[in-house]
Amino acid sequence: MNRYTLACLALVSCVVGSAVTAKQASLSDGDASINLQGRVGDIDVVDGVDGLWVEHDGRTYSAEQYLALIRVQQDRRDAGGPVFHVLNITTATGVLWVGLGLLGQLLFTGRMVVQWLVSEKQRRSVVPPVFWYLSLAGATMLLAYFVWRKDIVGVLGQATGWAIYARNVFLIRRSGGEASGDDELRGSTAANP
């Protein structure tokens, strides 16, 4: 197999691997690591004096080294068993990140349950202050998780909402801990029993 074939194989493996695997993989001696969750644009195949090289995350690897790194990452994922496959991770640290994301999602969903229960109790549409605190906490955790995953859609979605939740928490704290609103607005959205 020539160097060009190896470099192309490394590139294809990375594209396929990024859809199946995630996060860090190290050489057996621990001196380098790669993140295969990145995009194809993060990888450059460079024609060097002594053959083709792969540039990824600011480091340069021979095609053989790069394929070895991919293999190490796949071995780590396989060693983690079905949990690593389902969570799309390759390290135990990934379990913590996914746990953070799941907790954030639980808080984010919980805010709607709380709002629903308070509204049912008062028999009108109400957004209690805890709704905004749960929104902010859940969005913060999800934002951190999406940054770790390098998920631009998730980052943008949570970042825009985060600013709104933070502003509402600020307004609640400034008003002494109570959510208040315009009575006219409340009257137009309240469900009359």
N, C-alpha and C. Protein backbone atom coordinates (compact mmCIF):
# COMPACT_ATOMS: atom_id res chain seq x y z
N MET A 1 0.84 -1.17 0.00
CA MET A 1 0.00 0.00 0.00
C MET A 1 0.89 1.24 0.00
N ASN A 2 0.66 2.16 -0.94
CA ASN A 2 1.50 3.36 -1.00
C ASN A 2 0.99 4.41 -0.01
N ARG A 3 1.78 5.46 0.17
CA ARG A 3 1.46 6.50 1.16
C ARG A 3 0.18 7.26 0.81
N TYR A 4 -0.07 7.48 -0.47
CA TYR A 4 -1.28 8.19 -0.87
C TYR A 4 -2.51 7.38 -0.48
N THR A 5 -2.49 6.07 -0.73
CA THR A 5 -3.60 5.20 -0.37
C THR A 5 -3.81 5.22 1.14
N LEU A 6 -2.71 5.16 1.91
CA LEU A 6 -2.81 5.19 3.36
C LEU A 6 -3.41 6.52 3.85
N ALA A 7 -2.98 7.62 3.25
CA ALA A 7 -3.50 8.92 3.65
C ALA A 7 -4.99 9.03 3.32
N CYS A 8 -5.40 8.55 2.15
CA CYS A 8 -6.81 8.56 1.79
C CYS A 8 -7.62 7.66 2.72
N LEU A 9 -7.06 6.50 3.05
CA LEU A 9 -7.71 5.59 3.98
C LEU A 9 -7.85 6.24 5.36
N ALA A 10 -6.84 6.97 5.78
CA ALA A 10 -6.90 7.68 7.05
C ALA A 10 -8.00 8.73 7.03
N LEU A 11 -8.11 9.46 5.95
CA LEU A 11 -9.13 10.49 5.82
C LEU A 11 -10.53 9.88 5.84
N VAL A 12 -10.74 8.81 5.08
CA VAL A 12 -12.04 8.14 5.04
C VAL A 12 -12.36 7.54 6.41
N SER A 13 -11.37 6.95 7.06
CA SER A 13 -11.58 6.39 8.39
C SER A 13 -12.00 7.46 9.38
N CYS A 14 -11.42 8.63 9.25
CA CYS A 14 -11.77 9.72 10.15
C CYS A 14 -13.20 10.18 9.92
N VAL A 15 -13.61 10.29 8.68
CA VAL A 15 -14.97 10.72 8.37
C VAL A 15 -15.96 9.69 8.91
N VAL A 16 -15.71 8.42 8.63
CA VAL A 16 -16.60 7.37 9.14
C VAL A 16 -16.49 7.29 10.65
N GLY A 17 -15.28 7.37 11.16
CA GLY A 17 -15.07 7.29 12.60
C GLY A 17 -15.72 8.42 13.37
N SER A 18 -15.77 9.62 12.79
CA SER A 18 -16.37 10.75 13.49
C SER A 18 -17.87 10.57 13.64
N ALA A 19 -18.48 9.80 12.76
CA ALA A 19 -19.91 9.55 12.88
C ALA A 19 -20.19 8.44 13.89
N VAL A 20 -19.19 7.61 14.17
CA VAL A 20 -19.39 6.45 15.04
C VAL A 20 -18.73 6.64 16.39
N THR A 21 -17.56 7.29 16.42
CA THR A 21 -16.82 7.42 17.67
C THR A 21 -16.68 8.88 18.05
N ALA A 22 -16.17 9.12 19.26
CA ALA A 22 -16.00 10.49 19.71
C ALA A 22 -14.82 10.60 20.65
N LYS A 23 -14.39 11.83 20.82
CA LYS A 23 -13.42 12.34 21.76
C LYS A 23 -12.00 11.82 21.58
N GLN A 24 -11.29 11.60 22.69
CA GLN A 24 -9.85 11.49 22.66
C GLN A 24 -9.33 10.06 22.48
N ALA A 25 -8.24 9.93 21.75
CA ALA A 25 -7.52 8.68 21.62
C ALA A 25 -6.04 9.00 21.73
N SER A 26 -5.28 8.14 22.34
CA SER A 26 -3.86 8.40 22.53
C SER A 26 -3.03 7.31 21.89
N LEU A 27 -1.81 7.68 21.52
CA LEU A 27 -0.85 6.66 21.14
C LEU A 27 -0.54 5.83 22.37
N SER A 28 -0.06 4.62 22.16
CA SER A 28 0.18 3.74 23.31
C SER A 28 1.16 4.34 24.31
N ASP A 29 2.08 5.18 23.86
CA ASP A 29 3.02 5.79 24.80
C ASP A 29 2.50 7.10 25.36
N GLY A 30 1.28 7.51 24.96
CA GLY A 30 0.63 8.69 25.53
C GLY A 30 1.20 10.02 25.10
N ASP A 31 1.99 10.10 24.05
CA ASP A 31 2.61 11.38 23.70
C ASP A 31 1.77 12.22 22.75
N ALA A 32 0.66 11.69 22.24
CA ALA A 32 -0.17 12.47 21.33
C ALA A 32 -1.60 11.95 21.39
N SER A 33 -2.54 12.80 21.02
CA SER A 33 -3.92 12.36 20.97
C SER A 33 -4.62 13.09 19.83
N ILE A 34 -5.73 12.53 19.38
CA ILE A 34 -6.52 13.16 18.35
C ILE A 34 -7.98 13.16 18.78
N ASN A 35 -8.73 14.09 18.25
CA ASN A 35 -10.15 14.18 18.50
C ASN A 35 -10.83 13.87 17.18
N LEU A 36 -11.42 12.70 17.08
CA LEU A 36 -12.04 12.28 15.83
C LEU A 36 -13.47 12.79 15.69
N GLN A 37 -13.92 13.55 16.67
CA GLN A 37 -15.26 14.09 16.55
C GLN A 37 -15.26 15.31 15.65
N GLY A 38 -14.09 15.80 15.31
CA GLY A 38 -13.98 16.99 14.47
C GLY A 38 -14.51 16.76 13.07
N ARG A 39 -14.56 17.80 12.31
CA ARG A 39 -15.07 17.75 10.95
C ARG A 39 -13.94 17.47 9.97
N VAL A 40 -14.30 17.09 8.76
CA VAL A 40 -13.31 16.80 7.73
C VAL A 40 -12.43 18.03 7.50
N GLY A 41 -13.01 19.23 7.66
CA GLY A 41 -12.25 20.46 7.48
C GLY A 41 -11.13 20.62 8.49
N ASP A 42 -11.18 19.83 9.59
CA ASP A 42 -10.14 19.89 10.61
C ASP A 42 -8.91 19.08 10.20
N ILE A 43 -9.00 18.35 9.09
CA ILE A 43 -7.93 17.44 8.67
C ILE A 43 -7.38 17.89 7.32
N ASP A 44 -6.06 17.94 7.24
CA ASP A 44 -5.41 18.25 5.97
C ASP A 44 -4.43 17.14 5.63
N VAL A 45 -4.47 16.70 4.39
CA VAL A 45 -3.48 15.75 3.89
C VAL A 45 -2.43 16.59 3.17
N VAL A 46 -1.18 16.51 3.65
CA VAL A 46 -0.11 17.36 3.16
C VAL A 46 0.93 16.50 2.44
N ASP A 47 1.36 17.00 1.29
CA ASP A 47 2.39 16.31 0.52
C ASP A 47 3.75 16.76 1.05
N GLY A 48 4.45 15.88 1.74
CA GLY A 48 5.76 16.21 2.30
C GLY A 48 6.88 15.67 1.43
N VAL A 49 8.09 16.03 1.78
CA VAL A 49 9.27 15.56 1.05
C VAL A 49 9.35 14.03 1.08
N ASP A 50 9.00 13.45 2.22
CA ASP A 50 9.09 11.99 2.37
C ASP A 50 7.73 11.31 2.35
N GLY A 51 6.75 11.91 1.66
CA GLY A 51 5.44 11.27 1.52
C GLY A 51 4.31 12.13 2.04
N LEU A 52 3.15 11.51 2.15
CA LEU A 52 1.97 12.23 2.61
C LEU A 52 1.87 12.19 4.13
N TRP A 53 1.37 13.32 4.68
CA TRP A 53 1.21 13.47 6.12
C TRP A 53 -0.20 13.99 6.39
N VAL A 54 -0.69 13.71 7.57
CA VAL A 54 -2.01 14.18 7.98
C VAL A 54 -1.83 15.22 9.07
N GLU A 55 -2.41 16.41 8.85
CA GLU A 55 -2.40 17.45 9.88
C GLU A 55 -3.77 17.51 10.52
N HIS A 56 -3.79 17.43 11.85
CA HIS A 56 -5.05 17.41 12.60
C HIS A 56 -4.81 18.06 13.95
N ASP A 57 -5.64 19.04 14.30
CA ASP A 57 -5.54 19.74 15.59
C ASP A 57 -4.14 20.28 15.86
N GLY A 58 -3.50 20.82 14.82
CA GLY A 58 -2.19 21.44 15.00
C GLY A 58 -1.02 20.47 15.07
N ARG A 59 -1.27 19.20 14.89
CA ARG A 59 -0.19 18.20 14.90
C ARG A 59 -0.11 17.52 13.54
N THR A 60 1.08 17.03 13.24
CA THR A 60 1.30 16.35 11.96
C THR A 60 1.63 14.89 12.23
N TYR A 61 0.98 13.99 11.49
CA TYR A 61 1.16 12.56 11.64
C TYR A 61 1.43 11.93 10.29
N SER A 62 2.20 10.86 10.31
CA SER A 62 2.29 10.05 9.09
C SER A 62 0.95 9.33 8.96
N ALA A 63 0.65 8.85 7.75
CA ALA A 63 -0.60 8.13 7.55
C ALA A 63 -0.68 6.93 8.48
N GLU A 64 0.43 6.24 8.67
CA GLU A 64 0.44 5.08 9.56
C GLU A 64 0.15 5.48 11.00
N GLN A 65 0.74 6.57 11.47
CA GLN A 65 0.48 7.04 12.83
C GLN A 65 -0.98 7.42 13.01
N TYR A 66 -1.52 8.09 12.01
CA TYR A 66 -2.90 8.54 12.11
C TYR A 66 -3.86 7.36 12.16
N LEU A 67 -3.62 6.36 11.32
CA LEU A 67 -4.45 5.16 11.36
C LEU A 67 -4.30 4.44 12.69
N ALA A 68 -3.10 4.45 13.26
CA ALA A 68 -2.89 3.83 14.58
C ALA A 68 -3.69 4.57 15.65
N LEU A 69 -3.75 5.89 15.56
CA LEU A 69 -4.54 6.66 16.52
C LEU A 69 -6.03 6.35 16.40
N ILE A 70 -6.49 6.20 15.17
CA ILE A 70 -7.90 5.85 14.95
C ILE A 70 -8.17 4.47 15.55
N ARG A 71 -7.25 3.55 15.34
CA ARG A 71 -7.42 2.20 15.87
C ARG A 71 -7.46 2.20 17.40
N VAL A 72 -6.60 3.00 18.03
CA VAL A 72 -6.60 3.09 19.49
C VAL A 72 -7.95 3.60 19.98
N GLN A 73 -8.48 4.61 19.30
CA GLN A 73 -9.78 5.15 19.71
C GLN A 73 -10.88 4.11 19.55
N GLN A 74 -10.86 3.38 18.47
CA GLN A 74 -11.85 2.33 18.27
C GLN A 74 -11.71 1.24 19.33
N ASP A 75 -10.48 0.88 19.67
CA ASP A 75 -10.25 -0.11 20.72
C ASP A 75 -10.79 0.37 22.06
N ARG A 76 -10.58 1.67 22.36
CA ARG A 76 -11.11 2.22 23.61
C ARG A 76 -12.63 2.17 23.64
N ARG A 77 -13.23 2.53 22.52
CA ARG A 77 -14.69 2.47 22.45
C ARG A 77 -15.17 1.04 22.65
N ASP A 78 -14.52 0.10 21.98
CA ASP A 78 -14.91 -1.30 22.10
C ASP A 78 -14.69 -1.82 23.52
N ALA A 79 -13.62 -1.38 24.17
CA ALA A 79 -13.34 -1.82 25.55
C ALA A 79 -14.39 -1.28 26.51
N GLY A 80 -15.02 -0.17 26.18
CA GLY A 80 -16.05 0.40 27.03
C GLY A 80 -17.37 -0.34 26.94
N GLY A 81 -17.48 -1.26 26.01
CA GLY A 81 -18.69 -2.05 25.88
C GLY A 81 -19.84 -1.27 25.27
N PRO A 82 -21.04 -1.82 25.46
CA PRO A 82 -22.21 -1.22 24.82
C PRO A 82 -22.52 0.21 25.32
N VAL A 83 -22.15 0.52 26.56
CA VAL A 83 -22.40 1.87 27.09
C VAL A 83 -21.64 2.89 26.26
N PHE A 84 -20.37 2.63 25.96
CA PHE A 84 -19.57 3.57 25.17
C PHE A 84 -20.14 3.70 23.76
N HIS A 85 -20.65 2.59 23.21
CA HIS A 85 -21.25 2.65 21.86
C HIS A 85 -22.52 3.49 21.87
N VAL A 86 -23.40 3.22 22.83
CA VAL A 86 -24.68 3.94 22.89
C VAL A 86 -24.46 5.43 23.14
N LEU A 87 -23.52 5.76 24.05
CA LEU A 87 -23.27 7.16 24.37
C LEU A 87 -22.34 7.84 23.38
N ASN A 88 -21.77 7.06 22.44
CA ASN A 88 -20.87 7.60 21.42
C ASN A 88 -19.66 8.29 22.05
N ILE A 89 -19.00 7.56 22.96
CA ILE A 89 -17.83 8.08 23.65
C ILE A 89 -16.71 7.05 23.62
N THR A 90 -15.50 7.48 23.97
CA THR A 90 -14.36 6.57 23.97
C THR A 90 -13.58 6.60 25.28
N THR A 91 -13.98 7.44 26.22
CA THR A 91 -13.28 7.51 27.50
C THR A 91 -14.29 7.58 28.64
N ALA A 92 -13.83 7.25 29.84
CA ALA A 92 -14.69 7.35 31.02
C ALA A 92 -15.09 8.80 31.28
N THR A 93 -14.24 9.73 30.93
CA THR A 93 -14.58 11.14 31.08
C THR A 93 -15.80 11.49 30.25
N GLY A 94 -15.94 10.83 29.11
CA GLY A 94 -17.11 11.04 28.27
C GLY A 94 -18.41 10.70 28.98
N VAL A 95 -18.37 9.70 29.87
CA VAL A 95 -19.55 9.34 30.64
C VAL A 95 -19.98 10.53 31.50
N LEU A 96 -19.01 11.22 32.10
CA LEU A 96 -19.32 12.39 32.92
C LEU A 96 -19.95 13.50 32.08
N TRP A 97 -19.40 13.73 30.90
CA TRP A 97 -19.96 14.77 30.03
C TRP A 97 -21.38 14.43 29.59
N VAL A 98 -21.60 13.17 29.23
CA VAL A 98 -22.95 12.77 28.83
C VAL A 98 -23.89 12.86 30.04
N GLY A 99 -23.40 12.51 31.22
CA GLY A 99 -24.20 12.66 32.44
C GLY A 99 -24.59 14.11 32.68
N LEU A 100 -23.64 15.02 32.45
CA LEU A 100 -23.93 16.45 32.59
C LEU A 100 -25.01 16.87 31.59
N GLY A 101 -24.89 16.41 30.35
CA GLY A 101 -25.89 16.73 29.33
C GLY A 101 -27.26 16.16 29.67
N LEU A 102 -27.30 14.94 30.19
CA LEU A 102 -28.58 14.34 30.57
C LEU A 102 -29.21 15.07 31.76
N LEU A 103 -28.39 15.44 32.73
CA LEU A 103 -28.90 16.20 33.88
C LEU A 103 -29.45 17.56 33.41
N GLY A 104 -28.72 18.22 32.52
CA GLY A 104 -29.19 19.48 31.96
C GLY A 104 -30.52 19.31 31.24
N GLN A 105 -30.65 18.23 30.49
CA GLN A 105 -31.90 17.98 29.78
C GLN A 105 -33.03 17.68 30.76
N LEU A 106 -32.72 16.96 31.84
CA LEU A 106 -33.71 16.67 32.87
C LEU A 106 -34.22 17.97 33.52
N LEU A 107 -33.29 18.88 33.86
CA LEU A 107 -33.69 20.16 34.43
C LEU A 107 -34.51 20.97 33.43
N PHE A 108 -34.08 20.95 32.18
CA PHE A 108 -34.75 21.72 31.15
C PHE A 108 -36.18 21.21 30.94
N THR A 109 -36.36 19.89 30.97
CA THR A 109 -37.69 19.30 30.86
C THR A 109 -38.48 19.56 32.13
N GLY A 110 -37.81 19.47 33.28
CA GLY A 110 -38.47 19.68 34.56
C GLY A 110 -39.09 21.05 34.70
N ARG A 111 -38.52 22.04 34.06
CA ARG A 111 -39.06 23.39 34.13
C ARG A 111 -40.47 23.44 33.57
N MET A 112 -40.71 22.67 32.51
CA MET A 112 -42.04 22.65 31.89
C MET A 112 -43.03 21.93 32.79
N VAL A 113 -42.59 20.88 33.45
CA VAL A 113 -43.46 20.14 34.37
C VAL A 113 -43.85 21.05 35.54
N VAL A 114 -42.87 21.77 36.09
CA VAL A 114 -43.15 22.69 37.19
C VAL A 114 -44.14 23.77 36.73
N GLN A 115 -43.92 24.35 35.59
CA GLN A 115 -44.81 25.39 35.07
C GLN A 115 -46.22 24.85 34.89
N TRP A 116 -46.33 23.65 34.37
CA TRP A 116 -47.63 23.03 34.15
C TRP A 116 -48.34 22.80 35.48
N LEU A 117 -47.62 22.24 36.49
CA LEU A 117 -48.24 21.97 37.79
C LEU A 117 -48.70 23.25 38.49
N VAL A 118 -47.87 24.30 38.45
CA VAL A 118 -48.24 25.58 39.07
C VAL A 118 -49.45 26.17 38.35
N SER A 119 -49.47 26.10 37.03
CA SER A 119 -50.60 26.62 36.27
C SER A 119 -51.88 25.86 36.59
N GLU A 120 -51.79 24.55 36.72
CA GLU A 120 -52.97 23.75 37.06
C GLU A 120 -53.47 24.11 38.45
N LYS A 121 -52.57 24.30 39.38
CA LYS A 121 -52.95 24.64 40.75
C LYS A 121 -53.66 26.00 40.79
N GLN A 122 -53.17 26.96 40.03
CA GLN A 122 -53.75 28.31 40.03
C GLN A 122 -54.86 28.47 38.99
N ARG A 123 -55.08 27.44 38.19
CA ARG A 123 -56.11 27.42 37.16
C ARG A 123 -55.98 28.57 36.16
N ARG A 124 -54.74 28.96 35.90
CA ARG A 124 -54.44 29.96 34.87
C ARG A 124 -52.97 29.78 34.48
N SER A 125 -52.60 30.32 33.35
CA SER A 125 -51.22 30.19 32.88
C SER A 125 -50.30 31.04 33.74
N VAL A 126 -49.33 30.38 34.38
CA VAL A 126 -48.40 31.06 35.28
C VAL A 126 -46.98 30.56 34.96
N VAL A 127 -46.03 31.48 35.00
CA VAL A 127 -44.62 31.12 34.87
C VAL A 127 -43.95 31.47 36.19
N PRO A 128 -43.76 30.47 37.07
CA PRO A 128 -43.17 30.76 38.37
C PRO A 128 -41.67 31.05 38.25
N PRO A 129 -41.10 31.74 39.25
CA PRO A 129 -39.66 32.06 39.20
C PRO A 129 -38.77 30.82 39.03
N VAL A 130 -39.16 29.70 39.65
CA VAL A 130 -38.33 28.49 39.55
C VAL A 130 -38.18 28.03 38.10
N PHE A 131 -39.15 28.35 37.26
CA PHE A 131 -39.08 28.03 35.84
C PHE A 131 -37.80 28.62 35.23
N TRP A 132 -37.52 29.89 35.57
CA TRP A 132 -36.36 30.56 34.99
C TRP A 132 -35.06 30.03 35.57
N TYR A 133 -35.06 29.67 36.86
CA TYR A 133 -33.86 29.09 37.47
C TYR A 133 -33.55 27.73 36.85
N LEU A 134 -34.59 26.90 36.68
CA LEU A 134 -34.38 25.59 36.04
C LEU A 134 -33.94 25.77 34.58
N SER A 135 -34.51 26.76 33.90
CA SER A 135 -34.12 27.03 32.52
C SER A 135 -32.65 27.40 32.43
N LEU A 136 -32.21 28.30 33.32
CA LEU A 136 -30.82 28.75 33.31
C LEU A 136 -29.86 27.62 33.66
N ALA A 137 -30.19 26.85 34.70
CA ALA A 137 -29.31 25.73 35.10
C ALA A 137 -29.24 24.68 33.99
N GLY A 138 -30.39 24.30 33.43
CA GLY A 138 -30.41 23.30 32.36
C GLY A 138 -29.69 23.78 31.12
N ALA A 139 -29.92 25.03 30.74
CA ALA A 139 -29.27 25.58 29.55
C ALA A 139 -27.76 25.67 29.73
N THR A 140 -27.31 26.02 30.95
CA THR A 140 -25.87 26.10 31.22
C THR A 140 -25.22 24.73 31.05
N MET A 141 -25.85 23.71 31.62
CA MET A 141 -25.30 22.35 31.50
C MET A 141 -25.32 21.88 30.05
N LEU A 142 -26.43 22.12 29.37
CA LEU A 142 -26.52 21.71 27.96
C LEU A 142 -25.53 22.47 27.09
N LEU A 143 -25.34 23.75 27.37
CA LEU A 143 -24.38 24.54 26.60
C LEU A 143 -22.97 23.97 26.77
N ALA A 144 -22.59 23.65 28.00
CA ALA A 144 -21.27 23.04 28.24
C ALA A 144 -21.15 21.71 27.49
N TYR A 145 -22.20 20.90 27.55
CA TYR A 145 -22.20 19.62 26.87
C TYR A 145 -22.05 19.79 25.35
N PHE A 146 -22.81 20.71 24.76
CA PHE A 146 -22.74 20.91 23.31
C PHE A 146 -21.39 21.48 22.88
N VAL A 147 -20.78 22.31 23.72
CA VAL A 147 -19.43 22.80 23.41
C VAL A 147 -18.48 21.62 23.40
N TRP A 148 -18.57 20.74 24.40
CA TRP A 148 -17.71 19.55 24.44
C TRP A 148 -17.92 18.68 23.21
N ARG A 149 -19.15 18.53 22.77
CA ARG A 149 -19.46 17.71 21.59
C ARG A 149 -19.14 18.42 20.27
N LYS A 150 -18.82 19.71 20.34
CA LYS A 150 -18.59 20.52 19.14
C LYS A 150 -19.83 20.53 18.25
N ASP A 151 -20.99 20.73 18.87
CA ASP A 151 -22.28 20.73 18.17
C ASP A 151 -22.76 22.17 18.05
N ILE A 152 -22.54 22.78 16.90
CA ILE A 152 -22.84 24.19 16.70
C ILE A 152 -24.33 24.47 16.81
N VAL A 153 -25.16 23.55 16.37
CA VAL A 153 -26.61 23.74 16.46
C VAL A 153 -27.04 23.81 17.92
N GLY A 154 -26.55 22.88 18.73
CA GLY A 154 -26.87 22.88 20.15
C GLY A 154 -26.32 24.11 20.86
N VAL A 155 -25.09 24.50 20.52
CA VAL A 155 -24.47 25.67 21.14
C VAL A 155 -25.30 26.92 20.83
N LEU A 156 -25.63 27.13 19.56
CA LEU A 156 -26.41 28.32 19.19
C LEU A 156 -27.79 28.30 19.84
N GLY A 157 -28.43 27.14 19.85
CA GLY A 157 -29.76 27.03 20.44
C GLY A 157 -29.76 27.34 21.92
N GLN A 158 -28.79 26.81 22.65
CA GLN A 158 -28.74 27.04 24.09
C GLN A 158 -28.21 28.43 24.44
N ALA A 159 -27.27 28.93 23.66
CA ALA A 159 -26.68 30.24 23.97
C ALA A 159 -27.70 31.36 23.84
N THR A 160 -28.55 31.31 22.82
CA THR A 160 -29.55 32.37 22.66
C THR A 160 -30.57 32.31 23.78
N GLY A 161 -31.03 31.12 24.13
CA GLY A 161 -31.96 30.99 25.24
C GLY A 161 -31.32 31.35 26.56
N TRP A 162 -30.04 31.00 26.74
CA TRP A 162 -29.33 31.26 27.99
C TRP A 162 -29.37 32.74 28.34
N ALA A 163 -29.18 33.60 27.36
CA ALA A 163 -29.19 35.04 27.62
C ALA A 163 -30.57 35.48 28.14
N ILE A 164 -31.62 34.93 27.59
CA ILE A 164 -32.98 35.26 28.02
C ILE A 164 -33.22 34.76 29.44
N TYR A 165 -32.80 33.52 29.73
CA TYR A 165 -33.01 32.96 31.06
C TYR A 165 -32.22 33.74 32.10
N ALA A 166 -30.98 34.09 31.77
CA ALA A 166 -30.15 34.86 32.70
C ALA A 166 -30.78 36.23 32.98
N ARG A 167 -31.29 36.85 31.96
CA ARG A 167 -31.93 38.16 32.15
C ARG A 167 -33.16 38.03 33.05
N ASN A 168 -33.97 37.02 32.86
CA ASN A 168 -35.15 36.83 33.69
C ASN A 168 -34.78 36.52 35.14
N VAL A 169 -33.75 35.72 35.36
CA VAL A 169 -33.29 35.45 36.73
C VAL A 169 -32.80 36.75 37.36
N PHE A 170 -32.07 37.55 36.60
CA PHE A 170 -31.61 38.85 37.10
C PHE A 170 -32.80 39.73 37.50
N LEU A 171 -33.81 39.80 36.66
CA LEU A 171 -34.99 40.62 36.95
C LEU A 171 -35.74 40.09 38.18
N ILE A 172 -35.84 38.79 38.32
CA ILE A 172 -36.51 38.20 39.49
C ILE A 172 -35.75 38.54 40.76
N ARG A 173 -34.43 38.38 40.72
CA ARG A 173 -33.61 38.67 41.91
C ARG A 173 -33.67 40.15 42.27
N ARG A 174 -33.68 41.00 41.27
CA ARG A 174 -33.73 42.44 41.51
C ARG A 174 -35.07 42.86 42.12
N SER A 175 -36.13 42.14 41.78
CA SER A 175 -37.46 42.48 42.30
C SER A 175 -37.77 41.80 43.63
N GLY A 176 -36.78 41.16 44.21
CA GLY A 176 -36.98 40.53 45.51
C GLY A 176 -37.42 39.08 45.46
N GLY A 177 -37.24 38.42 44.34
CA GLY A 177 -37.50 36.99 44.25
C GLY A 177 -38.86 36.61 43.70
N GLU A 178 -39.68 37.58 43.34
CA GLU A 178 -40.99 37.26 42.80
C GLU A 178 -41.05 37.63 41.33
N ALA A 179 -41.68 36.76 40.57
CA ALA A 179 -41.93 37.09 39.17
C ALA A 179 -43.16 37.98 39.16
N SER A 180 -43.05 39.09 38.51
CA SER A 180 -44.21 39.98 38.41
C SER A 180 -44.41 40.34 36.95
N GLY A 181 -45.61 40.66 36.64
CA GLY A 181 -45.89 41.01 35.26
C GLY A 181 -46.99 42.04 35.20
N ASP A 182 -47.19 42.55 34.07
CA ASP A 182 -48.23 43.52 33.84
C ASP A 182 -49.59 42.85 34.02
N ASP A 183 -50.47 43.42 34.87
CA ASP A 183 -51.78 42.82 35.12
C ASP A 183 -52.59 42.69 33.84
N GLU A 184 -52.44 43.67 32.95
CA GLU A 184 -53.17 43.60 31.69
C GLU A 184 -52.72 42.39 30.87
N LEU A 185 -51.40 42.13 30.85
CA LEU A 185 -50.88 40.98 30.14
C LEU A 185 -51.37 39.70 30.80
N ARG A 186 -51.32 39.66 32.14
CA ARG A 186 -51.81 38.47 32.85
C ARG A 186 -53.26 38.20 32.53
N GLY A 187 -54.05 39.26 32.51
CA GLY A 187 -55.48 39.08 32.23
C GLY A 187 -55.74 38.52 30.85
N SER A 188 -54.89 38.88 29.89
CA SER A 188 -55.10 38.40 28.52
C SER A 188 -54.66 36.97 28.33
N THR A 189 -53.81 36.45 29.24
CA THR A 189 -53.33 35.07 29.06
C THR A 189 -53.91 34.13 30.08
N ALA A 190 -54.59 34.65 31.10
CA ALA A 190 -55.14 33.79 32.15
C ALA A 190 -56.32 33.01 31.63
N ALA A 191 -56.39 31.76 32.04
CA ALA A 191 -57.53 30.93 31.70
C ALA A 191 -58.56 31.10 32.81
N ASN A 192 -59.69 31.70 32.49
CA ASN A 192 -60.72 31.93 33.50
C ASN A 192 -61.43 30.63 33.82
N PRO A 193 -61.54 30.31 35.15
CA PRO A 193 -62.20 29.05 35.53
C PRO A 193 -63.70 29.09 35.31
